[in-house]
């Protein structure tokens, strides 16, 4: 492929019929279909997620993102005019202040007060680009408890069905609240599958990356190098770093669950090992990137022209990725957050 095509947004486009966009989760998480792609032989196999046990082996290190999704969509109204306002929490700035996405943002000015319930209101502190604002909350009680009462799960814009069970937009191993979107590759795991993998000798470790709504922000400029990546907070502990570095020394595989885990591991990479740390990452992985840590990847099928399909294309090759995506379309796999997955190794 010509080198300049790597940097063109339309290079990462593919045709997806709308009826293949999954609107609801399957009844059983592990029943999702799984396209398995061998990067060396370029062989494709069609399996189900419960078959992942056969693809992982003793000594492999499986890296999960333990972030938990907040019920981050809340509805309120302007005190002055009663105009309806929708807020999506994006990033906590301090104890009471948040960066949020507001709709319609044009109705808000610095100083505008929004009421959500008898227990919760907010004042706009600053207006930002792309409909984002900084707001400060005022509340009576425990903020997280109020959110649990009035908040809705922040489902992506391409999902139009109402979610019946909030827990289905949550991984079974989610721990620390802070994400505005689910790390969806992990939605296929059950406790039973994790236990079987551990019994097989797979080492399961955790990282943390709070997924921001920027993950859905489209690449607008046709030159992808002009795209400004969103920042996301991450933590890689000493314990996890030790297990990963030991595995790298012993030539054992590091298997990332989701692009979020990839972003943490590669952000912390130095000379083929990881350094324990926390902070914000805006790493943008696209073809030409040299992966230092990740040997295999479990991930869902991503939107055309998105930064996520660019990351997968960096891992597998552009033509190869578009090739197995087209196979997935032909085989009628379910796409995006509630859809099927692929194992790339």
C-alpha atoms as a PDB file:
ATOM      1  CA  UNK A   1       0.000   0.000   0.000  1.00  0.00           C
ATOM      2  CA  UNK A   2       1.270   3.482  -0.867  1.00  0.00           C
ATOM      3  CA  UNK A   3       2.700   5.156   2.215  1.00  0.00           C
ATOM      4  CA  UNK A   4       0.586   8.320   1.931  1.00  0.00           C
ATOM      5  CA  UNK A   5      -2.614   6.220   1.945  1.00  0.00           C
ATOM      6  CA  UNK A   6      -1.811   5.191   5.513  1.00  0.00           C
ATOM      7  CA  UNK A   7      -2.583   8.749   6.597  1.00  0.00           C
ATOM      8  CA  UNK A   8      -5.880   9.112   4.702  1.00  0.00           C
ATOM      9  CA  UNK A   9      -9.078   8.614   6.695  1.00  0.00           C
ATOM     10  CA  UNK A  10     -10.965   6.919   3.844  1.00  0.00           C
ATOM     11  CA  UNK A  11      -8.317   4.165   3.728  1.00  0.00           C
ATOM     12  CA  UNK A  12     -10.021   2.760   6.845  1.00  0.00           C
ATOM     13  CA  UNK A  13     -13.545   2.690   5.439  1.00  0.00           C
ATOM     14  CA  UNK A  14     -15.607  -0.434   4.793  1.00  0.00           C
ATOM     15  CA  UNK A  15     -19.245  -1.105   3.911  1.00  0.00           C
ATOM     16  CA  UNK A  16     -21.443  -2.096   6.845  1.00  0.00           C
ATOM     17  CA  UNK A  17     -25.183  -2.763   6.454  1.00  0.00           C
ATOM     18  CA  UNK A  18     -27.070  -1.050   9.275  1.00  0.00           C
ATOM     19  CA  UNK A  19     -28.830  -4.273  10.264  1.00  0.00           C
ATOM     20  CA  UNK A  20     -25.484  -5.708  11.432  1.00  0.00           C
ATOM     21  CA  UNK A  21     -25.094  -3.063  14.159  1.00  0.00           C
ATOM     22  CA  UNK A  22     -26.011  -4.927  17.351  1.00  0.00           C
ATOM     23  CA  UNK A  23     -28.729  -3.092  19.293  1.00  0.00           C
ATOM     24  CA  UNK A  24     -28.956  -5.389  22.323  1.00  0.00           C
ATOM     25  CA  UNK A  25     -26.566  -7.750  24.111  1.00  0.00           C
ATOM     26  CA  UNK A  26     -26.944 -11.505  23.696  1.00  0.00           C
ATOM     27  CA  UNK A  27     -28.661 -13.317  26.558  1.00  0.00           C
ATOM     28  CA  UNK A  28     -25.434 -15.186  27.363  1.00  0.00           C
ATOM     29  CA  UNK A  29     -22.208 -13.174  27.141  1.00  0.00           C
ATOM     30  CA  UNK A  30     -19.960 -16.068  26.121  1.00  0.00           C
ATOM     31  CA  UNK A  31     -22.230 -17.071  23.201  1.00  0.00           C
ATOM     32  CA  UNK A  32     -20.913 -14.197  21.031  1.00  0.00           C
ATOM     33  CA  UNK A  33     -19.285 -15.253  17.810  1.00  0.00           C
ATOM     34  CA  UNK A  34     -15.516 -14.842  17.567  1.00  0.00           C
ATOM     35  CA  UNK A  35     -13.530 -14.406  14.369  1.00  0.00           C
ATOM     36  CA  UNK A  36      -9.995 -15.719  14.964  1.00  0.00           C
ATOM     37  CA  UNK A  37      -7.258 -14.269  12.763  1.00  0.00           C
ATOM     38  CA  UNK A  38      -3.723 -15.676  12.684  1.00  0.00           C
ATOM     39  CA  UNK A  39      -1.448 -12.771  11.711  1.00  0.00           C
ATOM     40  CA  UNK A  40       1.319 -15.057  10.413  1.00  0.00           C
ATOM     41  CA  UNK A  41      -0.659 -17.529   8.303  1.00  0.00           C
ATOM     42  CA  UNK A  42      -3.528 -15.031   7.652  1.00  0.00           C
ATOM     43  CA  UNK A  43      -5.881 -17.924   8.377  1.00  0.00           C
ATOM     44  CA  UNK A  44      -9.430 -17.098   9.553  1.00  0.00           C
ATOM     45  CA  UNK A  45     -11.538 -19.350  11.786  1.00  0.00           C
ATOM     46  CA  UNK A  46     -15.123 -18.806  12.931  1.00  0.00           C
ATOM     47  CA  UNK A  47     -15.702 -19.706  16.568  1.00  0.00           C
ATOM     48  CA  UNK A  48     -17.668 -18.623  19.630  1.00  0.00           C
ATOM     49  CA  UNK A  49     -16.234 -16.694  22.544  1.00  0.00           C
ATOM     50  CA  UNK A  50     -16.303 -19.713  24.865  1.00  0.00           C
ATOM     51  CA  UNK A  51     -13.680 -21.223  22.499  1.00  0.00           C
ATOM     52  CA  UNK A  52     -11.161 -18.624  23.731  1.00  0.00           C
ATOM     53  CA  UNK A  53     -10.102 -21.255  26.292  1.00  0.00           C
ATOM     54  CA  UNK A  54      -8.661 -23.340  23.419  1.00  0.00           C
ATOM     55  CA  UNK A  55      -6.676 -20.412  22.005  1.00  0.00           C
ATOM     56  CA  UNK A  56      -4.977 -19.345  25.234  1.00  0.00           C
ATOM     57  CA  UNK A  57      -2.264 -21.457  26.774  1.00  0.00           C
ATOM     58  CA  UNK A  58      -0.418 -21.898  30.044  1.00  0.00           C
ATOM     59  CA  UNK A  59       1.877 -18.947  30.725  1.00  0.00           C
ATOM     60  CA  UNK A  60      -0.119 -16.438  28.688  1.00  0.00           C
ATOM     61  CA  UNK A  61      -0.843 -13.148  30.479  1.00  0.00           C
ATOM     62  CA  UNK A  62      -4.376 -11.844  29.949  1.00  0.00           C
ATOM     63  CA  UNK A  63      -4.714  -8.095  30.583  1.00  0.00           C
ATOM     64  CA  UNK A  64      -8.162  -6.788  31.596  1.00  0.00           C
ATOM     65  CA  UNK A  65      -9.302  -3.171  32.014  1.00  0.00           C
ATOM     66  CA  UNK A  66     -11.109  -3.058  35.368  1.00  0.00           C
ATOM     67  CA  UNK A  67     -12.777   0.346  34.833  1.00  0.00           C
ATOM     68  CA  UNK A  68     -16.482   0.542  35.648  1.00  0.00           C
ATOM     69  CA  UNK A  69     -19.001   2.553  33.623  1.00  0.00           C
ATOM     70  CA  UNK A  70     -20.783   5.380  35.393  1.00  0.00           C
ATOM     71  CA  UNK A  71     -24.514   5.882  34.780  1.00  0.00           C
ATOM     72  CA  UNK A  72     -23.160   9.042  33.189  1.00  0.00           C
ATOM     73  CA  UNK A  73     -26.154  10.343  31.183  1.00  0.00           C
ATOM     74  CA  UNK A  74     -28.303  12.702  33.264  1.00  0.00           C
ATOM     75  CA  UNK A  75     -31.171  14.983  32.279  1.00  0.00           C
ATOM     76  CA  UNK A  76     -31.989  18.380  33.741  1.00  0.00           C
ATOM     77  CA  UNK A  77     -33.312  21.829  32.895  1.00  0.00           C
ATOM     78  CA  UNK A  78     -32.056  25.408  33.025  1.00  0.00           C
ATOM     79  CA  UNK A  79     -33.330  27.177  36.129  1.00  0.00           C
ATOM     80  CA  UNK A  80     -33.912  30.420  34.154  1.00  0.00           C
ATOM     81  CA  UNK A  81     -35.919  29.063  31.224  1.00  0.00           C
ATOM     82  CA  UNK A  82     -36.847  25.414  31.962  1.00  0.00           C
ATOM     83  CA  UNK A  83     -35.049  24.446  28.723  1.00  0.00           C
ATOM     84  CA  UNK A  84     -34.147  20.735  28.751  1.00  0.00           C
ATOM     85  CA  UNK A  85     -30.441  19.865  28.972  1.00  0.00           C
ATOM     86  CA  UNK A  86     -28.731  16.488  28.609  1.00  0.00           C
ATOM     87  CA  UNK A  87     -25.348  15.991  30.264  1.00  0.00           C
ATOM     88  CA  UNK A  88     -22.852  13.197  29.681  1.00  0.00           C
ATOM     89  CA  UNK A  89     -20.138  12.985  32.330  1.00  0.00           C
ATOM     90  CA  UNK A  90     -16.702  12.606  30.763  1.00  0.00           C
ATOM     91  CA  UNK A  91     -13.925  13.238  33.246  1.00  0.00           C
ATOM     92  CA  UNK A  92     -13.771  14.071  36.925  1.00  0.00           C
ATOM     93  CA  UNK A  93     -11.571  17.138  37.510  1.00  0.00           C
ATOM     94  CA  UNK A  94     -11.808  17.290  41.308  1.00  0.00           C
ATOM     95  CA  UNK A  95     -14.268  16.366  44.064  1.00  0.00           C
ATOM     96  CA  UNK A  96     -17.208  18.331  42.588  1.00  0.00           C
ATOM     97  CA  UNK A  97     -16.080  19.495  39.100  1.00  0.00           C
ATOM     98  CA  UNK A  98     -16.435  17.514  35.872  1.00  0.00           C
ATOM     99  CA  UNK A  99     -15.710  17.854  32.189  1.00  0.00           C
ATOM    100  CA  UNK A 100     -18.984  16.993  30.417  1.00  0.00           C
ATOM    101  CA  UNK A 101     -20.632  16.844  27.026  1.00  0.00           C
ATOM    102  CA  UNK A 102     -23.770  18.988  26.970  1.00  0.00           C
ATOM    103  CA  UNK A 103     -26.727  18.905  24.570  1.00  0.00           C
ATOM    104  CA  UNK A 104     -27.645  21.436  23.338  1.00  0.00           C
ATOM    105  CA  UNK A 105     -24.443  23.204  24.449  1.00  0.00           C
ATOM    106  CA  UNK A 106     -25.460  26.433  22.676  1.00  0.00           C
ATOM    107  CA  UNK A 107     -28.124  26.970  25.366  1.00  0.00           C
ATOM    108  CA  UNK A 108     -25.471  27.117  28.085  1.00  0.00           C
ATOM    109  CA  UNK A 109     -23.335  30.043  29.195  1.00  0.00           C
ATOM    110  CA  UNK A 110     -20.793  30.439  31.968  1.00  0.00           C
ATOM    111  CA  UNK A 111     -22.838  30.763  35.162  1.00  0.00           C
ATOM    112  CA  UNK A 112     -25.890  28.877  33.857  1.00  0.00           C
ATOM    113  CA  UNK A 113     -27.471  26.724  36.583  1.00  0.00           C
ATOM    114  CA  UNK A 114     -28.909  23.300  35.653  1.00  0.00           C
ATOM    115  CA  UNK A 115     -31.214  21.380  37.988  1.00  0.00           C
ATOM    116  CA  UNK A 116     -31.304  17.577  37.726  1.00  0.00           C
ATOM    117  CA  UNK A 117     -33.263  16.627  40.855  1.00  0.00           C
ATOM    118  CA  UNK A 118     -34.049  17.900  44.334  1.00  0.00           C
ATOM    119  CA  UNK A 119     -30.654  16.532  45.376  1.00  0.00           C
ATOM    120  CA  UNK A 120     -28.489  17.598  42.410  1.00  0.00           C
ATOM    121  CA  UNK A 121     -27.744  20.788  40.455  1.00  0.00           C
ATOM    122  CA  UNK A 122     -24.736  22.193  38.586  1.00  0.00           C
ATOM    123  CA  UNK A 123     -23.261  25.501  37.432  1.00  0.00           C
ATOM    124  CA  UNK A 124     -21.347  25.953  34.150  1.00  0.00           C
ATOM    125  CA  UNK A 125     -17.764  27.051  34.848  1.00  0.00           C
ATOM    126  CA  UNK A 126     -16.280  27.043  31.345  1.00  0.00           C
ATOM    127  CA  UNK A 127     -17.353  26.347  27.745  1.00  0.00           C
ATOM    128  CA  UNK A 128     -15.054  24.238  25.567  1.00  0.00           C
ATOM    129  CA  UNK A 129     -15.068  22.970  21.960  1.00  0.00           C
ATOM    130  CA  UNK A 130     -17.221  20.134  20.531  1.00  0.00           C
ATOM    131  CA  UNK A 131     -20.114  20.795  22.935  1.00  0.00           C
ATOM    132  CA  UNK A 132     -17.974  20.178  26.002  1.00  0.00           C
ATOM    133  CA  UNK A 133     -18.136  22.215  29.225  1.00  0.00           C
ATOM    134  CA  UNK A 134     -16.680  22.217  32.692  1.00  0.00           C
ATOM    135  CA  UNK A 135     -19.339  22.229  35.400  1.00  0.00           C
ATOM    136  CA  UNK A 136     -19.379  22.134  39.190  1.00  0.00           C
ATOM    137  CA  UNK A 137     -22.008  20.032  40.975  1.00  0.00           C
ATOM    138  CA  UNK A 138     -23.878  20.898  44.144  1.00  0.00           C
ATOM    139  CA  UNK A 139     -25.602  17.986  45.865  1.00  0.00           C
ATOM    140  CA  UNK A 140     -27.202  16.700  49.051  1.00  0.00           C
ATOM    141  CA  UNK A 141     -25.990  13.213  49.907  1.00  0.00           C
ATOM    142  CA  UNK A 142     -23.464  10.912  48.214  1.00  0.00           C
ATOM    143  CA  UNK A 143     -22.835  11.911  44.591  1.00  0.00           C
ATOM    144  CA  UNK A 144     -22.423   8.316  43.345  1.00  0.00           C
ATOM    145  CA  UNK A 145     -25.688   7.264  45.008  1.00  0.00           C
ATOM    146  CA  UNK A 146     -27.568  10.159  43.378  1.00  0.00           C
ATOM    147  CA  UNK A 147     -26.099   9.197  40.007  1.00  0.00           C
ATOM    148  CA  UNK A 148     -27.198   5.595  40.507  1.00  0.00           C
ATOM    149  CA  UNK A 149     -30.761   6.856  41.115  1.00  0.00           C
ATOM    150  CA  UNK A 150     -31.134   9.293  38.209  1.00  0.00           C
ATOM    151  CA  UNK A 151     -28.381   8.405  35.716  1.00  0.00           C
ATOM    152  CA  UNK A 152     -28.655   6.249  32.610  1.00  0.00           C
ATOM    153  CA  UNK A 153     -25.944   4.155  31.009  1.00  0.00           C
ATOM    154  CA  UNK A 154     -24.181   6.235  28.314  1.00  0.00           C
ATOM    155  CA  UNK A 155     -24.881   3.943  25.374  1.00  0.00           C
ATOM    156  CA  UNK A 156     -23.175   4.898  22.086  1.00  0.00           C
ATOM    157  CA  UNK A 157     -25.173   6.987  19.575  1.00  0.00           C
ATOM    158  CA  UNK A 158     -25.633   4.038  17.176  1.00  0.00           C
ATOM    159  CA  UNK A 159     -27.607   2.044  19.784  1.00  0.00           C
ATOM    160  CA  UNK A 160     -31.291   2.978  19.658  1.00  0.00           C
ATOM    161  CA  UNK A 161     -32.799   0.232  21.841  1.00  0.00           C
ATOM    162  CA  UNK A 162     -33.272   0.879  25.553  1.00  0.00           C
ATOM    163  CA  UNK A 163     -31.020  -1.239  27.771  1.00  0.00           C
ATOM    164  CA  UNK A 164     -33.130  -3.413  30.086  1.00  0.00           C
ATOM    165  CA  UNK A 165     -30.330  -4.401  32.456  1.00  0.00           C
ATOM    166  CA  UNK A 166     -27.643  -1.809  33.327  1.00  0.00           C
ATOM    167  CA  UNK A 167     -25.165  -4.559  34.171  1.00  0.00           C
ATOM    168  CA  UNK A 168     -25.032  -5.724  30.549  1.00  0.00           C
ATOM    169  CA  UNK A 169     -23.084  -2.569  29.648  1.00  0.00           C
ATOM    170  CA  UNK A 170     -20.573  -3.517  32.332  1.00  0.00           C
ATOM    171  CA  UNK A 171     -17.854  -6.173  32.438  1.00  0.00           C
ATOM    172  CA  UNK A 172     -18.279  -8.795  35.155  1.00  0.00           C
ATOM    173  CA  UNK A 173     -14.880  -7.784  36.610  1.00  0.00           C
ATOM    174  CA  UNK A 174     -15.470  -3.994  36.622  1.00  0.00           C
ATOM    175  CA  UNK A 175     -14.308  -2.365  39.868  1.00  0.00           C
ATOM    176  CA  UNK A 176     -13.506   1.345  39.836  1.00  0.00           C
ATOM    177  CA  UNK A 177     -16.125   3.747  38.460  1.00  0.00           C
ATOM    178  CA  UNK A 178     -14.967   6.376  36.019  1.00  0.00           C
ATOM    179  CA  UNK A 179     -15.728   5.342  32.416  1.00  0.00           C
ATOM    180  CA  UNK A 180     -18.199   7.109  30.133  1.00  0.00           C
ATOM    181  CA  UNK A 181     -18.284   4.081  27.810  1.00  0.00           C
ATOM    182  CA  UNK A 182     -17.703   0.381  28.376  1.00  0.00           C
ATOM    183  CA  UNK A 183     -14.425  -1.326  27.457  1.00  0.00           C
ATOM    184  CA  UNK A 184     -16.569  -3.546  25.253  1.00  0.00           C
ATOM    185  CA  UNK A 185     -14.120  -6.365  24.449  1.00  0.00           C
ATOM    186  CA  UNK A 186     -14.494  -7.432  28.069  1.00  0.00           C
ATOM    187  CA  UNK A 187     -18.285  -7.762  27.850  1.00  0.00           C
ATOM    188  CA  UNK A 188     -17.928 -11.336  26.515  1.00  0.00           C
ATOM    189  CA  UNK A 189     -16.187 -12.677  29.625  1.00  0.00           C
ATOM    190  CA  UNK A 190     -17.979 -14.572  32.379  1.00  0.00           C
ATOM    191  CA  UNK A 191     -16.592 -15.567  35.778  1.00  0.00           C
ATOM    192  CA  UNK A 192     -16.744 -19.173  34.576  1.00  0.00           C
ATOM    193  CA  UNK A 193     -14.510 -18.494  31.557  1.00  0.00           C
ATOM    194  CA  UNK A 194     -12.030 -16.505  33.666  1.00  0.00           C
ATOM    195  CA  UNK A 195     -11.870 -19.352  36.179  1.00  0.00           C
ATOM    196  CA  UNK A 196     -11.269 -21.957  33.439  1.00  0.00           C
ATOM    197  CA  UNK A 197      -8.468 -19.814  31.989  1.00  0.00           C
ATOM    198  CA  UNK A 198      -6.823 -19.512  35.407  1.00  0.00           C
ATOM    199  CA  UNK A 199      -7.091 -23.283  35.900  1.00  0.00           C
ATOM    200  CA  UNK A 200      -5.357 -23.716  32.546  1.00  0.00           C
ATOM    201  CA  UNK A 201      -2.425 -21.651  33.809  1.00  0.00           C
ATOM    202  CA  UNK A 202      -3.256 -18.300  32.202  1.00  0.00           C
ATOM    203  CA  UNK A 203      -2.179 -15.381  34.401  1.00  0.00           C
ATOM    204  CA  UNK A 204      -4.957 -12.764  34.639  1.00  0.00           C
ATOM    205  CA  UNK A 205      -3.884  -9.207  35.517  1.00  0.00           C
ATOM    206  CA  UNK A 206      -5.635  -5.842  35.530  1.00  0.00           C
ATOM    207  CA  UNK A 207      -4.940  -2.337  34.332  1.00  0.00           C
ATOM    208  CA  UNK A 208      -7.233   0.669  34.620  1.00  0.00           C
ATOM    209  CA  UNK A 209      -8.230   3.069  31.869  1.00  0.00           C
ATOM    210  CA  UNK A 210     -11.319   5.238  32.258  1.00  0.00           C
ATOM    211  CA  UNK A 211     -12.886   5.286  28.799  1.00  0.00           C
ATOM    212  CA  UNK A 212     -13.912   8.756  27.660  1.00  0.00           C
ATOM    213  CA  UNK A 213     -16.599   9.723  25.156  1.00  0.00           C
ATOM    214  CA  UNK A 214     -13.774  10.831  22.884  1.00  0.00           C
ATOM    215  CA  UNK A 215     -13.585   7.176  21.879  1.00  0.00           C
ATOM    216  CA  UNK A 216     -16.699   7.880  19.738  1.00  0.00           C
ATOM    217  CA  UNK A 217     -15.431  11.195  18.365  1.00  0.00           C
ATOM    218  CA  UNK A 218     -15.113  10.820  14.593  1.00  0.00           C
ATOM    219  CA  UNK A 219     -11.899  11.589  12.765  1.00  0.00           C
ATOM    220  CA  UNK A 220     -12.928  14.740  10.890  1.00  0.00           C
ATOM    221  CA  UNK A 221      -9.761  15.702   9.003  1.00  0.00           C
ATOM    222  CA  UNK A 222      -8.967  13.521   6.014  1.00  0.00           C
ATOM    223  CA  UNK A 223      -5.316  13.498   7.120  1.00  0.00           C
ATOM    224  CA  UNK A 224      -5.409  11.358  10.258  1.00  0.00           C
ATOM    225  CA  UNK A 225      -2.235  13.013  11.577  1.00  0.00           C
ATOM    226  CA  UNK A 226      -4.294  16.172  12.147  1.00  0.00           C
ATOM    227  CA  UNK A 227      -6.682  14.309  14.464  1.00  0.00           C
ATOM    228  CA  UNK A 228      -6.453  15.371  18.098  1.00  0.00           C
ATOM    229  CA  UNK A 229      -6.699  12.285  20.309  1.00  0.00           C
ATOM    230  CA  UNK A 230      -8.675  12.495  23.533  1.00  0.00           C
ATOM    231  CA  UNK A 231      -6.928  12.003  26.872  1.00  0.00           C
ATOM    232  CA  UNK A 232      -7.882   9.162  29.193  1.00  0.00           C
ATOM    233  CA  UNK A 233      -6.773   8.480  32.762  1.00  0.00           C
ATOM    234  CA  UNK A 234      -4.921   5.185  33.343  1.00  0.00           C
ATOM    235  CA  UNK A 235      -3.161   3.221  36.072  1.00  0.00           C
ATOM    236  CA  UNK A 236      -0.596   0.442  35.668  1.00  0.00           C
ATOM    237  CA  UNK A 237       0.351  -0.973  39.078  1.00  0.00           C
ATOM    238  CA  UNK A 238       3.723  -2.355  40.174  1.00  0.00           C
ATOM    239  CA  UNK A 239       2.121  -5.792  40.567  1.00  0.00           C
ATOM    240  CA  UNK A 240       0.799  -5.861  36.990  1.00  0.00           C
ATOM    241  CA  UNK A 241       4.060  -4.424  35.603  1.00  0.00           C
ATOM    242  CA  UNK A 242       6.027  -7.181  37.359  1.00  0.00           C
ATOM    243  CA  UNK A 243       3.897  -9.962  35.818  1.00  0.00           C
ATOM    244  CA  UNK A 244       4.065  -8.446  32.321  1.00  0.00           C
ATOM    245  CA  UNK A 245       7.818  -7.841  32.419  1.00  0.00           C
ATOM    246  CA  UNK A 246       8.468 -11.336  33.739  1.00  0.00           C
ATOM    247  CA  UNK A 247       6.393 -12.777  30.886  1.00  0.00           C
ATOM    248  CA  UNK A 248       8.257 -10.665  28.296  1.00  0.00           C
ATOM    249  CA  UNK A 249      11.598 -11.933  29.682  1.00  0.00           C
ATOM    250  CA  UNK A 250      10.355 -15.517  29.403  1.00  0.00           C
ATOM    251  CA  UNK A 251       8.933 -15.003  25.893  1.00  0.00           C
ATOM    252  CA  UNK A 252       5.347 -15.613  27.028  1.00  0.00           C
ATOM    253  CA  UNK A 253       2.414 -13.893  25.286  1.00  0.00           C
ATOM    254  CA  UNK A 254       0.739 -10.714  26.492  1.00  0.00           C
ATOM    255  CA  UNK A 255      -2.922 -10.758  25.420  1.00  0.00           C
ATOM    256  CA  UNK A 256      -4.735  -7.432  25.713  1.00  0.00           C
ATOM    257  CA  UNK A 257      -8.487  -7.433  26.210  1.00  0.00           C
ATOM    258  CA  UNK A 258      -9.635  -4.413  24.228  1.00  0.00           C
ATOM    259  CA  UNK A 259      -8.000  -1.379  22.684  1.00  0.00           C
ATOM    260  CA  UNK A 260      -8.128   0.323  26.109  1.00  0.00           C
ATOM    261  CA  UNK A 261      -5.728  -2.255  27.577  1.00  0.00           C
ATOM    262  CA  UNK A 262      -3.503  -1.816  24.520  1.00  0.00           C
ATOM    263  CA  UNK A 263      -3.422   1.945  25.099  1.00  0.00           C
ATOM    264  CA  UNK A 264      -2.291   1.479  28.710  1.00  0.00           C
ATOM    265  CA  UNK A 265       0.385  -1.108  27.940  1.00  0.00           C
ATOM    266  CA  UNK A 266       1.876   0.738  24.991  1.00  0.00           C
ATOM    267  CA  UNK A 267       1.730   4.094  26.827  1.00  0.00           C
ATOM    268  CA  UNK A 268       3.839   2.553  29.603  1.00  0.00           C
ATOM    269  CA  UNK A 269       6.286   0.757  27.274  1.00  0.00           C
ATOM    270  CA  UNK A 270       9.999   1.459  27.494  1.00  0.00           C
ATOM    271  CA  UNK A 271      12.652  -0.696  25.843  1.00  0.00           C
ATOM    272  CA  UNK A 272      10.308  -3.685  25.507  1.00  0.00           C
ATOM    273  CA  UNK A 273       9.086  -3.579  29.114  1.00  0.00           C
ATOM    274  CA  UNK A 274       6.423  -1.607  30.979  1.00  0.00           C
ATOM    275  CA  UNK A 275       6.968   0.981  33.698  1.00  0.00           C
ATOM    276  CA  UNK A 276       4.367   1.155  36.492  1.00  0.00           C
ATOM    277  CA  UNK A 277       2.713   4.584  36.498  1.00  0.00           C
ATOM    278  CA  UNK A 278      -0.547   6.525  36.376  1.00  0.00           C
ATOM    279  CA  UNK A 279      -1.576   9.595  34.415  1.00  0.00           C
ATOM    280  CA  UNK A 280      -3.319  10.617  31.217  1.00  0.00           C
ATOM    281  CA  UNK A 281      -2.631   9.124  27.806  1.00  0.00           C
ATOM    282  CA  UNK A 282      -3.514  10.462  24.369  1.00  0.00           C
ATOM    283  CA  UNK A 283      -1.554   7.806  22.493  1.00  0.00           C
ATOM    284  CA  UNK A 284      -2.683   7.465  18.854  1.00  0.00           C
ATOM    285  CA  UNK A 285      -1.798   4.089  17.347  1.00  0.00           C
ATOM    286  CA  UNK A 286      -2.008   3.813  13.564  1.00  0.00           C
ATOM    287  CA  UNK A 287      -0.142   1.767  10.908  1.00  0.00           C
ATOM    288  CA  UNK A 288       3.602   2.125  11.185  1.00  0.00           C
ATOM    289  CA  UNK A 289       3.444   1.863  14.969  1.00  0.00           C
ATOM    290  CA  UNK A 290       5.856  -0.663  16.500  1.00  0.00           C
ATOM    291  CA  UNK A 291       4.094  -2.628  19.247  1.00  0.00           C
ATOM    292  CA  UNK A 292       6.435  -3.262  22.178  1.00  0.00           C
ATOM    293  CA  UNK A 293       4.226  -5.182  24.595  1.00  0.00           C
ATOM    294  CA  UNK A 294       1.050  -6.626  23.042  1.00  0.00           C
ATOM    295  CA  UNK A 295       1.284 -10.021  21.307  1.00  0.00           C
ATOM    296  CA  UNK A 296      -2.423 -10.769  20.823  1.00  0.00           C
ATOM    297  CA  UNK A 297      -5.657  -8.823  21.057  1.00  0.00           C
ATOM    298  CA  UNK A 298      -9.287  -9.589  21.875  1.00  0.00           C
ATOM    299  CA  UNK A 299     -11.475  -6.793  20.519  1.00  0.00           C
ATOM    300  CA  UNK A 300     -14.886  -6.041  19.034  1.00  0.00           C
ATOM    301  CA  UNK A 301     -15.534  -4.855  15.480  1.00  0.00           C
ATOM    302  CA  UNK A 302     -15.059  -1.087  15.234  1.00  0.00           C
ATOM    303  CA  UNK A 303     -16.597   1.789  13.295  1.00  0.00           C
ATOM    304  CA  UNK A 304     -15.318   2.601   9.793  1.00  0.00           C
ATOM    305  CA  UNK A 305     -12.697   5.381   9.759  1.00  0.00           C
ATOM    306  CA  UNK A 306     -12.392   5.321  13.584  1.00  0.00           C
ATOM    307  CA  UNK A 307      -9.157   5.548  15.577  1.00  0.00           C
ATOM    308  CA  UNK A 308      -9.956   2.047  16.872  1.00  0.00           C
ATOM    309  CA  UNK A 309      -9.937   0.384  13.453  1.00  0.00           C
ATOM    310  CA  UNK A 310      -6.694   2.293  12.811  1.00  0.00           C
ATOM    311  CA  UNK A 311      -5.196   0.650  15.917  1.00  0.00           C
ATOM    312  CA  UNK A 312      -6.318  -2.799  14.714  1.00  0.00           C
ATOM    313  CA  UNK A 313      -4.872  -1.999  11.270  1.00  0.00           C
ATOM    314  CA  UNK A 314      -1.553  -1.152  12.924  1.00  0.00           C
ATOM    315  CA  UNK A 315      -1.615  -4.550  14.640  1.00  0.00           C
ATOM    316  CA  UNK A 316      -2.698  -6.718  11.689  1.00  0.00           C
ATOM    317  CA  UNK A 317      -2.062  -4.599   8.567  1.00  0.00           C
ATOM    318  CA  UNK A 318      -4.543  -2.362   6.744  1.00  0.00           C
ATOM    319  CA  UNK A 319      -5.468  -4.688   3.878  1.00  0.00           C
ATOM    320  CA  UNK A 320      -5.556  -7.673   6.218  1.00  0.00           C
ATOM    321  CA  UNK A 321      -7.878  -5.893   8.656  1.00  0.00           C
ATOM    322  CA  UNK A 322     -10.252  -4.709   5.940  1.00  0.00           C
ATOM    323  CA  UNK A 323     -10.118  -8.245   4.527  1.00  0.00           C
ATOM    324  CA  UNK A 324     -11.338  -9.983   7.680  1.00  0.00           C
ATOM    325  CA  UNK A 325     -13.824  -7.162   8.365  1.00  0.00           C
ATOM    326  CA  UNK A 326     -15.365  -7.802   4.948  1.00  0.00           C
ATOM    327  CA  UNK A 327     -15.481 -11.521   5.775  1.00  0.00           C
ATOM    328  CA  UNK A 328     -17.269 -10.656   9.049  1.00  0.00           C
ATOM    329  CA  UNK A 329     -19.828  -8.587   7.113  1.00  0.00           C
ATOM    330  CA  UNK A 330     -20.371 -11.425   4.645  1.00  0.00           C
ATOM    331  CA  UNK A 331     -20.773 -13.912   7.520  1.00  0.00           C
ATOM    332  CA  UNK A 332     -23.229 -11.524   9.228  1.00  0.00           C
ATOM    333  CA  UNK A 333     -21.292 -11.001  12.448  1.00  0.00           C
ATOM    334  CA  UNK A 334     -22.825  -8.485  14.868  1.00  0.00           C
ATOM    335  CA  UNK A 335     -20.873  -5.215  15.019  1.00  0.00           C
ATOM    336  CA  UNK A 336     -19.815  -2.610  17.613  1.00  0.00           C
ATOM    337  CA  UNK A 337     -20.406  -2.404  21.387  1.00  0.00           C
ATOM    338  CA  UNK A 338     -22.989  -5.193  21.851  1.00  0.00           C
ATOM    339  CA  UNK A 339     -21.640  -7.168  18.906  1.00  0.00           C
ATOM    340  CA  UNK A 340     -19.320 -10.104  18.345  1.00  0.00           C
ATOM    341  CA  UNK A 341     -15.549 -10.065  18.733  1.00  0.00           C
ATOM    342  CA  UNK A 342     -12.320 -11.142  17.142  1.00  0.00           C
ATOM    343  CA  UNK A 343      -9.148 -12.726  18.485  1.00  0.00           C
ATOM    344  CA  UNK A 344      -6.079 -11.440  16.675  1.00  0.00           C
ATOM    345  CA  UNK A 345      -2.891 -13.332  17.367  1.00  0.00           C
END
